[in-house]
Amino acid sequence: MSVEEDMLAKLRPSHEEEALIESTVRELVKRVTATSIAKEVTFEPVLVGSIAKGTYLKNPDIDLFLLFDPEVPREKLEEYGVRVGKEAIGGREHYAEHPYIRGDFNGLKVDVVPAYRIKDTTQKMTAVDRTPFHTEYVKEHLAPEKRDDVRLLKAFMKGIGIYSAEARVQGFSGYLCEILVIRFGGFREALEAASHWKRGVYLSMGSHEKARFDGPIVFIDPVDGNRNMASAVSLHSLSLFIVAARAYLAAPKTEFFFPKPVPLLSVDEIEDRLKGKGQVLALTLPAPDLIDDILFPQVRKFERNLTQALVQRDFNVIRSWSNVIDDRIIILHKLESFELPDAQLHRGPPVWIHDNSDDFLAKWRDNPDALSEPFIENGQWLLFIKRKHTNARELIVSNMSALDIGKDLNKYKEDVQVLGPEVPDDSQILEAISVFLDKRMPWER
């Protein structure tokens, strides 16, 4: 049995699961059409997503769209959608471009999403209005025998950690995986194509002129020529896919689909790994109750601004990392050293700019913060001055109030903990550092 045949035996839903999904969808449609809103306004429940397309993996989410007439005002669309969802399945209100309901029904996760019924994507009034067109395109163009190829590609992406267009992952959506299989003809064919990609790869189904988009990868949406359906894919995710595709084609193995978890290191093991290789600065704060697409851009902004603050003060940042573990934001920076010397080289103007030179000399001669006399090197005034912050942790703590860490995260600055260089005996931080220090590819663990 080949690796792919072995994987499909694990990935395909069982007959029992298929029957449960079908009966659950029928019951959901009955429930939404029996709600009080259905008596007030006309809407059409439409199943979209991987279940509608037959490309789902085990334990899929059910995506049920409620299509309203375009004449329904936007605020009413949102109100009706939330009311129908809550009445049908209970659940909780989530927010993307507009509110929708997410809940559990018959042991399956369900999203009930309001949208407009439009004739084509040029008439879209909200971003989700094109989703039913995605479903129809895949149903029309994906041969039934290629559904397993989609399952393999989705599981491959999931295994290497780049499956999902959500901000947490910045990877390949399920729809993009489906279109890749349609475009190239199969799972292995998609990997073969990807193995030759480079940054800036441009793809389409041949029905659209080349449009202008920025991004590591551009793939024109076949149902909307003004959309790059790969816009969520980060450079890291694209790079990892290229490397993984080449590695799998050279030596297929199950670990690409189901990699081993990163081993959890103890405090002593982490300290041993760091000997002579740097020290880790860790910041933590409670994660506010926000959807990933709002939270993660702010977490990454926090990480970038911390890096900038450290580098501007001469700390050598080897690399950084951020994530949300359970309900906690954790940001890590590996530094060459936590401590810097007291003396800092301060650069002045070129000696031939007389007014600036005079001001520079007047400021620093006999200045208590000067650790040397001004001197000339390569035509420029220089001197050594007292460094304001010699410790990385103290620098961040003292500058936290001035750091912009994101619109919502700024409210939680008082809850930020700054730790290091000692490795804390904290299970979540140990998990984060274990992942941070493990540079192996997922399939190599």
Protein backbone atom coordinates (compact mmCIF):
# COMPACT_ATOMS: atom_id res chain seq x y z
CA MET A 1 0.00 0.00 0.00
CA SER A 2 1.38 3.42 -0.97
CA VAL A 3 1.67 6.28 1.50
CA GLU A 4 -1.28 8.02 -0.17
CA GLU A 5 -3.52 4.95 -0.04
CA ASP A 6 -2.61 4.49 3.61
CA MET A 7 -3.41 8.14 4.35
CA LEU A 8 -6.73 8.08 2.52
CA ALA A 9 -7.85 5.17 4.66
CA LYS A 10 -7.35 7.50 7.65
CA LEU A 11 -8.66 10.68 6.00
CA ARG A 12 -11.87 9.57 4.31
CA PRO A 13 -14.99 9.96 6.44
CA SER A 14 -16.65 6.68 7.34
CA HIS A 15 -20.09 5.75 5.98
CA GLU A 16 -21.48 6.37 9.47
CA GLU A 17 -19.98 9.86 9.56
CA GLU A 18 -21.28 10.65 6.08
CA ALA A 19 -24.76 9.55 7.15
CA LEU A 20 -24.56 11.68 10.31
CA ILE A 21 -23.48 14.73 8.31
CA GLU A 22 -26.26 14.29 5.75
CA SER A 23 -28.94 13.89 8.41
CA THR A 24 -27.54 16.84 10.38
CA VAL A 25 -27.64 19.10 7.32
CA ARG A 26 -31.25 18.09 6.61
CA GLU A 27 -32.22 18.81 10.21
CA LEU A 28 -30.42 22.18 10.17
CA VAL A 29 -32.25 23.24 7.01
CA LYS A 30 -35.55 22.27 8.66
CA ARG A 31 -34.67 24.23 11.77
CA VAL A 32 -33.66 27.46 10.03
CA THR A 33 -36.73 27.39 7.77
CA ALA A 34 -38.95 26.87 10.82
CA THR A 35 -37.63 29.91 12.71
CA SER A 36 -39.79 32.94 13.39
CA ILE A 37 -37.66 35.02 10.97
CA ALA A 38 -38.58 32.65 8.14
CA LYS A 39 -42.17 33.79 8.60
CA GLU A 40 -41.16 37.47 8.34
CA VAL A 41 -38.70 37.49 5.44
CA THR A 42 -37.73 35.15 2.62
CA PHE A 43 -34.26 33.61 2.59
CA GLU A 44 -32.70 30.50 1.08
CA PRO A 45 -30.55 28.15 3.19
CA VAL A 46 -27.60 26.94 1.10
CA LEU A 47 -24.93 24.46 2.11
CA VAL A 48 -21.45 25.66 1.11
CA GLY A 49 -17.88 24.66 1.91
CA SER A 50 -16.16 21.29 1.85
CA ILE A 51 -19.25 19.25 2.77
CA ALA A 52 -21.19 20.64 -0.17
CA LYS A 53 -18.21 19.91 -2.43
CA GLY A 54 -17.49 16.43 -1.10
CA THR A 55 -13.89 17.30 -0.21
CA TYR A 56 -14.14 17.25 3.57
CA LEU A 57 -11.85 15.47 6.00
CA LYS A 58 -13.02 13.76 9.17
CA ASN A 59 -14.82 15.95 11.73
CA PRO A 60 -15.69 18.77 9.30
CA ASP A 61 -17.48 22.02 10.06
CA ILE A 62 -20.89 22.60 8.49
CA ASP A 63 -21.18 25.95 6.69
CA LEU A 64 -24.82 26.92 6.17
CA PHE A 65 -25.44 30.19 4.37
CA LEU A 66 -28.71 32.11 4.52
CA LEU A 67 -29.16 33.95 1.23
CA PHE A 68 -31.30 37.09 1.45
CA ASP A 69 -32.60 39.35 -1.29
CA PRO A 70 -30.20 42.25 -2.05
CA GLU A 71 -33.00 44.68 -1.20
CA VAL A 72 -32.74 43.69 2.47
CA PRO A 73 -30.75 46.46 4.25
CA ARG A 74 -27.34 45.45 5.58
CA GLU A 75 -28.26 45.99 9.22
CA LYS A 76 -31.37 43.86 8.77
CA LEU A 77 -29.34 41.12 7.07
CA GLU A 78 -27.06 40.99 10.10
CA GLU A 79 -29.98 41.05 12.54
CA TYR A 80 -31.91 38.32 10.71
CA GLY A 81 -28.84 36.10 10.35
CA VAL A 82 -28.01 36.25 14.05
CA ARG A 83 -31.61 35.63 15.10
CA VAL A 84 -32.03 32.65 12.77
CA GLY A 85 -28.75 31.12 13.93
CA LYS A 86 -29.47 31.53 17.63
CA GLU A 87 -33.00 30.23 17.27
CA ALA A 88 -31.87 27.22 15.23
CA ILE A 89 -28.71 26.09 17.06
CA GLY A 90 -28.09 28.44 19.98
CA GLY A 91 -24.38 29.03 19.70
CA ARG A 92 -22.38 32.20 20.00
CA GLU A 93 -22.14 35.32 17.88
CA HIS A 94 -18.85 35.73 16.01
CA TYR A 95 -17.80 38.57 13.78
CA ALA A 96 -15.87 38.60 10.49
CA GLU A 97 -17.03 41.27 8.04
CA HIS A 98 -20.43 40.95 9.70
CA PRO A 99 -21.90 38.81 12.51
CA TYR A 100 -22.63 35.10 12.17
CA ILE A 101 -23.48 32.31 14.57
CA ARG A 102 -21.14 29.45 15.48
CA GLY A 103 -22.40 26.55 17.53
CA ASP A 104 -22.52 22.78 17.97
CA PHE A 105 -25.27 20.55 16.64
CA ASN A 106 -25.30 16.75 16.72
CA GLY A 107 -21.66 16.84 17.79
CA LEU A 108 -20.61 18.86 14.74
CA LYS A 109 -19.45 22.48 14.58
CA VAL A 110 -21.84 24.66 12.57
CA ASP A 111 -21.53 28.18 11.16
CA VAL A 112 -24.76 29.94 10.18
CA VAL A 113 -23.80 32.88 7.96
CA PRO A 114 -26.09 35.51 6.37
CA ALA A 115 -25.25 36.68 2.84
CA TYR A 116 -26.90 38.18 -0.22
CA ARG A 117 -28.29 36.20 -3.14
CA ILE A 118 -26.56 37.70 -6.19
CA LYS A 119 -26.35 36.75 -9.87
CA ASP A 120 -22.57 37.04 -10.15
CA THR A 121 -19.64 38.23 -8.04
CA THR A 122 -19.58 41.69 -9.63
CA GLN A 123 -22.76 42.36 -7.63
CA LYS A 124 -21.31 41.26 -4.26
CA MET A 125 -22.30 43.43 -1.33
CA THR A 126 -20.28 41.59 1.33
CA ALA A 127 -17.10 39.49 1.09
CA VAL A 128 -18.97 36.25 1.83
CA ASP A 129 -21.41 36.75 -1.05
CA ARG A 130 -18.95 35.06 -3.41
CA THR A 131 -18.71 31.88 -1.30
CA PRO A 132 -21.66 30.08 -2.96
CA PHE A 133 -19.94 30.72 -6.30
CA HIS A 134 -16.80 29.03 -4.95
CA THR A 135 -18.87 25.99 -4.05
CA GLU A 136 -20.51 25.82 -7.47
CA TYR A 137 -17.22 26.29 -9.30
CA VAL A 138 -15.57 23.39 -7.47
CA LYS A 139 -18.61 21.14 -7.87
CA GLU A 140 -18.59 21.85 -11.61
CA HIS A 141 -14.84 21.56 -12.27
CA LEU A 142 -13.54 18.98 -9.77
CA ALA A 143 -13.97 15.44 -11.08
CA PRO A 144 -15.42 13.11 -8.40
CA GLU A 145 -12.35 10.87 -8.57
CA LYS A 146 -10.15 13.87 -7.66
CA ARG A 147 -11.88 14.55 -4.34
CA ASP A 148 -9.40 12.24 -2.63
CA ASP A 149 -6.55 14.27 -4.13
CA VAL A 150 -8.02 17.34 -2.43
CA ARG A 151 -8.22 15.44 0.85
CA LEU A 152 -4.55 14.50 0.52
CA LEU A 153 -3.50 18.07 -0.24
CA LYS A 154 -5.52 19.50 2.64
CA ALA A 155 -4.10 16.92 5.05
CA PHE A 156 -0.58 17.58 3.73
CA MET A 157 -1.01 21.33 4.33
CA LYS A 158 -2.45 20.65 7.78
CA GLY A 159 0.40 18.29 8.65
CA ILE A 160 3.09 20.85 7.87
CA GLY A 161 1.14 23.59 9.67
CA ILE A 162 0.00 25.82 6.81
CA TYR A 163 -3.66 24.80 6.31
CA SER A 164 -6.02 27.75 6.84
CA ALA A 165 -6.23 31.30 5.55
CA GLU A 166 -6.98 32.56 9.06
CA ALA A 167 -4.60 35.09 10.59
CA ARG A 168 -3.33 32.54 13.12
CA VAL A 169 -1.88 30.38 10.30
CA GLN A 170 -1.51 32.64 7.21
CA GLY A 171 -1.67 29.59 4.99
CA PHE A 172 -3.67 27.88 2.26
CA SER A 173 -7.47 27.80 2.51
CA GLY A 174 -9.49 24.71 1.70
CA TYR A 175 -10.80 26.45 -1.42
CA LEU A 176 -7.26 27.22 -2.57
CA CYS A 177 -6.32 23.55 -2.11
CA GLU A 178 -9.31 22.53 -4.23
CA ILE A 179 -8.38 24.95 -7.00
CA LEU A 180 -4.75 23.78 -6.95
CA VAL A 181 -5.93 20.21 -7.59
CA ILE A 182 -8.24 21.41 -10.38
CA ARG A 183 -5.47 23.56 -11.88
CA PHE A 184 -2.73 20.92 -11.86
CA GLY A 185 -4.76 17.71 -12.01
CA GLY A 186 -4.05 16.00 -8.72
CA PHE A 187 -2.22 15.88 -5.39
CA ARG A 188 1.19 14.86 -6.69
CA GLU A 189 0.85 17.12 -9.71
CA ALA A 190 0.22 20.10 -7.40
CA LEU A 191 3.31 19.20 -5.35
CA GLU A 192 5.38 18.86 -8.51
CA ALA A 193 4.29 22.33 -9.63
CA ALA A 194 4.94 23.83 -6.18
CA SER A 195 8.42 22.32 -6.04
CA HIS A 196 9.39 24.74 -8.86
CA TRP A 197 7.71 27.85 -7.46
CA LYS A 198 9.56 30.87 -6.19
CA ARG A 199 8.53 34.06 -4.46
CA GLY A 200 6.03 36.02 -6.56
CA VAL A 201 4.60 33.00 -8.39
CA TYR A 202 1.54 34.00 -10.43
CA LEU A 203 -1.27 31.52 -11.14
CA SER A 204 -4.71 31.61 -12.71
CA MET A 205 -7.17 29.31 -14.40
CA GLY A 206 -6.46 31.08 -17.68
CA SER A 207 -9.70 33.04 -17.84
CA HIS A 208 -8.41 36.35 -16.47
CA GLU A 209 -5.80 38.85 -17.59
CA LYS A 210 -2.85 39.26 -15.28
CA ALA A 211 -3.93 41.54 -12.46
CA ARG A 212 -1.72 43.58 -10.18
CA PHE A 213 -1.40 42.11 -6.70
CA ASP A 214 1.37 42.14 -4.14
CA GLY A 215 2.20 39.03 -2.20
CA PRO A 216 4.46 35.98 -2.09
CA ILE A 217 1.95 34.08 -4.24
CA VAL A 218 -0.88 35.30 -6.47
CA PHE A 219 -3.67 33.00 -7.63
CA ILE A 220 -6.55 34.79 -9.33
CA ASP A 221 -9.91 33.61 -8.02
CA PRO A 222 -11.70 31.98 -10.98
CA VAL A 223 -15.04 33.41 -9.84
CA ASP A 224 -13.72 36.92 -9.12
CA GLY A 225 -10.92 38.27 -11.29
CA ASN A 226 -10.34 41.14 -8.87
CA ARG A 227 -9.36 38.87 -6.00
CA ASN A 228 -6.12 37.11 -5.12
CA MET A 229 -7.40 34.00 -3.35
CA ALA A 230 -3.86 33.31 -2.05
CA SER A 231 -3.50 36.72 -0.40
CA ALA A 232 -3.46 35.19 3.09
CA VAL A 233 -0.41 33.01 2.35
CA SER A 234 2.69 34.38 4.09
CA LEU A 235 6.19 34.10 2.69
CA HIS A 236 6.97 31.56 5.42
CA SER A 237 3.99 29.38 4.48
CA LEU A 238 4.86 29.52 0.79
CA SER A 239 8.50 28.67 1.54
CA LEU A 240 7.53 25.75 3.77
CA PHE A 241 5.18 24.36 1.10
CA ILE A 242 7.90 24.53 -1.56
CA VAL A 243 10.41 22.73 0.69
CA ALA A 244 7.83 20.15 1.83
CA ALA A 245 6.72 19.43 -1.74
CA ARG A 246 10.29 18.74 -2.83
CA ALA A 247 10.98 16.60 0.23
CA TYR A 248 7.80 14.53 -0.17
CA LEU A 249 8.34 13.87 -3.86
CA ALA A 250 11.86 12.68 -3.04
CA ALA A 251 10.84 10.48 -0.10
CA PRO A 252 7.10 10.14 0.71
CA LYS A 253 6.23 9.24 4.29
CA THR A 254 3.25 9.48 6.63
CA GLU A 255 4.93 12.12 8.83
CA PHE A 256 4.09 14.78 6.25
CA PHE A 257 0.41 14.21 7.05
CA PHE A 258 0.67 13.30 10.72
CA PRO A 259 3.91 14.71 12.15
CA LYS A 260 5.11 13.87 15.63
CA PRO A 261 4.54 16.64 18.18
CA VAL A 262 7.42 18.83 19.31
CA PRO A 263 8.95 17.23 22.44
CA LEU A 264 8.31 19.29 25.56
CA LEU A 265 11.63 20.35 27.08
CA SER A 266 12.32 20.84 30.77
CA VAL A 267 13.97 23.94 32.22
CA ASP A 268 17.32 22.12 32.40
CA GLU A 269 17.04 20.86 28.81
CA ILE A 270 16.27 24.36 27.54
CA GLU A 271 19.20 25.83 29.45
CA ASP A 272 21.49 23.15 27.99
CA ARG A 273 20.32 23.93 24.45
CA LEU A 274 20.89 27.64 24.94
CA LYS A 275 24.45 27.35 26.29
CA GLY A 276 26.68 29.50 24.14
CA LYS A 277 23.82 30.17 21.70
CA GLY A 278 22.00 33.11 23.26
CA GLN A 279 19.28 33.81 25.81
CA VAL A 280 15.48 34.03 25.59
CA LEU A 281 13.42 37.07 26.49
CA ALA A 282 9.78 36.07 27.08
CA LEU A 283 6.73 38.32 27.28
CA THR A 284 3.27 37.12 28.22
CA LEU A 285 -0.14 38.68 28.67
CA PRO A 286 -3.71 37.38 28.82
CA ALA A 287 -5.29 37.05 25.37
CA PRO A 288 -8.42 39.23 25.06
CA ASP A 289 -11.60 37.62 23.77
CA LEU A 290 -11.16 38.51 20.10
CA ILE A 291 -11.47 36.49 16.91
CA ASP A 292 -8.14 35.32 15.49
CA ASP A 293 -8.32 37.63 12.48
CA ILE A 294 -8.34 40.63 14.82
CA LEU A 295 -6.07 39.27 17.57
CA PHE A 296 -3.16 37.82 15.60
CA PRO A 297 -2.28 40.90 13.51
CA GLN A 298 -1.94 42.79 16.81
CA VAL A 299 0.17 40.03 18.35
CA ARG A 300 2.52 40.18 15.37
CA LYS A 301 2.62 43.99 15.60
CA PHE A 302 3.59 43.63 19.27
CA GLU A 303 6.37 41.21 18.25
CA ARG A 304 7.66 43.56 15.51
CA ASN A 305 7.67 46.61 17.77
CA LEU A 306 9.50 44.73 20.51
CA THR A 307 12.11 43.64 17.98
CA GLN A 308 12.49 47.22 16.78
CA ALA A 309 12.86 48.54 20.34
CA LEU A 310 15.59 46.00 21.10
CA VAL A 311 17.51 46.49 17.85
CA GLN A 312 17.41 50.29 18.15
CA ARG A 313 19.13 49.95 21.55
CA ASP A 314 21.87 47.69 20.11
CA PHE A 315 20.56 44.32 21.33
CA ASN A 316 21.25 41.65 18.72
CA VAL A 317 17.97 39.80 18.07
CA ILE A 318 18.75 36.40 16.55
CA ARG A 319 15.11 35.54 15.91
CA SER A 320 11.63 36.05 17.35
CA TRP A 321 8.37 34.12 17.64
CA SER A 322 4.82 34.70 18.84
CA ASN A 323 1.67 32.68 19.37
CA VAL A 324 -1.40 32.30 21.55
CA ILE A 325 -1.36 29.21 23.76
CA ASP A 326 -4.71 28.53 25.41
CA ASP A 327 -5.72 32.01 26.62
CA ARG A 328 -2.24 33.50 26.80
CA ILE A 329 -0.17 35.53 24.34
CA ILE A 330 3.50 34.53 24.39
CA ILE A 331 6.23 36.42 22.53
CA LEU A 332 9.82 35.18 22.50
CA HIS A 333 13.04 36.85 21.39
CA LYS A 334 16.33 35.00 21.23
CA LEU A 335 19.08 37.49 22.01
CA GLU A 336 22.81 37.14 21.57
CA SER A 337 23.11 38.56 25.07
CA PHE A 338 20.82 40.05 27.72
CA GLU A 339 23.52 42.50 28.82
CA LEU A 340 25.33 45.24 26.93
CA PRO A 341 28.44 47.17 28.04
CA ASP A 342 27.99 50.47 29.86
CA ALA A 343 29.68 52.35 27.02
CA GLN A 344 27.74 53.12 23.84
CA LEU A 345 29.32 54.56 20.70
CA HIS A 346 27.52 57.78 19.82
CA ARG A 347 27.89 59.22 16.31
CA GLY A 348 28.02 62.93 15.61
CA PRO A 349 28.07 65.03 12.42
CA PRO A 350 30.80 65.17 9.77
CA VAL A 351 33.54 67.56 10.90
CA TRP A 352 33.00 69.89 7.91
CA ILE A 353 29.44 70.72 8.96
CA HIS A 354 30.67 73.42 11.29
CA ASP A 355 27.52 74.57 13.10
CA ASN A 356 26.44 71.01 13.91
CA SER A 357 29.98 70.10 14.96
CA ASP A 358 30.14 73.07 17.33
CA ASP A 359 26.78 72.09 18.87
CA PHE A 360 27.92 68.47 19.23
CA LEU A 361 31.17 69.42 20.96
CA ALA A 362 29.45 71.94 23.22
CA LYS A 363 26.90 69.33 24.29
CA TRP A 364 29.30 66.51 25.07
CA ARG A 365 32.47 68.12 26.41
CA ASP A 366 32.31 67.94 30.21
CA ASN A 367 28.95 66.11 29.98
CA PRO A 368 28.55 63.65 32.91
CA ASP A 369 27.14 61.04 30.50
CA ALA A 370 30.24 61.20 28.29
CA LEU A 371 32.69 58.36 28.85
CA SER A 372 35.34 59.69 26.47
CA GLU A 373 36.47 62.82 24.73
CA PRO A 374 34.99 63.41 21.25
CA PHE A 375 37.25 61.96 18.56
CA ILE A 376 37.33 61.80 14.76
CA GLU A 377 37.06 58.68 12.63
CA ASN A 378 36.46 58.65 8.86
CA GLY A 379 35.59 62.34 8.94
CA GLN A 380 32.91 62.00 11.64
CA TRP A 381 32.77 63.05 15.28
CA LEU A 382 32.37 60.11 17.67
CA LEU A 383 32.44 59.52 21.42
CA PHE A 384 31.47 56.92 23.98
CA ILE A 385 28.53 57.75 26.25
CA LYS A 386 26.75 55.99 29.12
CA ARG A 387 24.21 53.51 27.84
CA LYS A 388 20.74 54.21 29.24
CA HIS A 389 19.68 50.55 29.33
CA THR A 390 22.21 47.75 29.56
CA ASN A 391 19.69 44.97 30.34
CA ALA A 392 17.12 43.80 27.76
CA ARG A 393 14.41 43.04 30.30
CA GLU A 394 14.81 46.42 32.02
CA LEU A 395 14.68 48.15 28.63
CA ILE A 396 11.34 46.59 27.70
CA VAL A 397 9.80 47.10 31.16
CA SER A 398 10.77 50.77 31.22
CA ASN A 399 9.56 51.38 27.65
CA MET A 400 6.33 49.37 27.76
CA SER A 401 4.11 52.40 28.33
CA ALA A 402 5.45 54.03 25.15
CA LEU A 403 5.18 50.93 22.95
CA ASP A 404 2.26 50.62 20.55
CA ILE A 405 1.25 46.97 20.83
CA GLY A 406 -2.06 47.11 18.99
CA LYS A 407 -5.43 48.82 19.37
CA ASP A 408 -6.90 46.19 21.69
CA LEU A 409 -3.70 44.95 23.34
CA ASN A 410 -2.73 48.47 24.44
CA LYS A 411 -5.45 48.18 27.10
CA TYR A 412 -3.60 45.27 28.73
CA LYS A 413 -0.11 46.73 29.11
CA GLU A 414 -0.28 46.53 32.90
CA ASP A 415 -0.78 42.76 32.61
CA VAL A 416 2.37 42.19 30.52
CA GLN A 417 5.00 40.01 32.18
CA VAL A 418 8.60 40.31 30.98
CA LEU A 419 10.74 37.28 31.83
CA GLY A 420 14.33 36.20 31.33
CA PRO A 421 17.11 35.35 31.03
CA GLU A 422 16.32 32.64 33.58
CA VAL A 423 13.96 30.07 32.05
CA PRO A 424 10.70 30.10 34.06
CA ASP A 425 9.19 26.82 35.24
CA ASP A 426 5.89 27.61 33.53
CA SER A 427 4.20 24.92 31.41
CA GLN A 428 2.94 27.28 28.69
CA ILE A 429 6.22 29.14 28.37
CA LEU A 430 8.15 25.85 28.34
CA GLU A 431 5.88 24.65 25.53
CA ALA A 432 6.46 27.88 23.61
CA ILE A 433 10.25 27.77 24.03
CA SER A 434 10.30 24.08 23.07
CA VAL A 435 8.58 24.93 19.77
CA PHE A 436 10.74 28.04 19.32
CA LEU A 437 14.01 26.13 19.69
CA ASP A 438 12.99 23.12 17.58
CA LYS A 439 14.06 24.14 14.07
CA ARG A 440 13.34 20.77 12.48
CA MET A 441 10.77 20.52 9.73
CA PRO A 442 7.50 18.97 10.99
CA TRP A 443 8.08 15.75 9.01
CA GLU A 444 11.63 15.37 10.41
CA ARG A 445 10.77 15.18 14.11
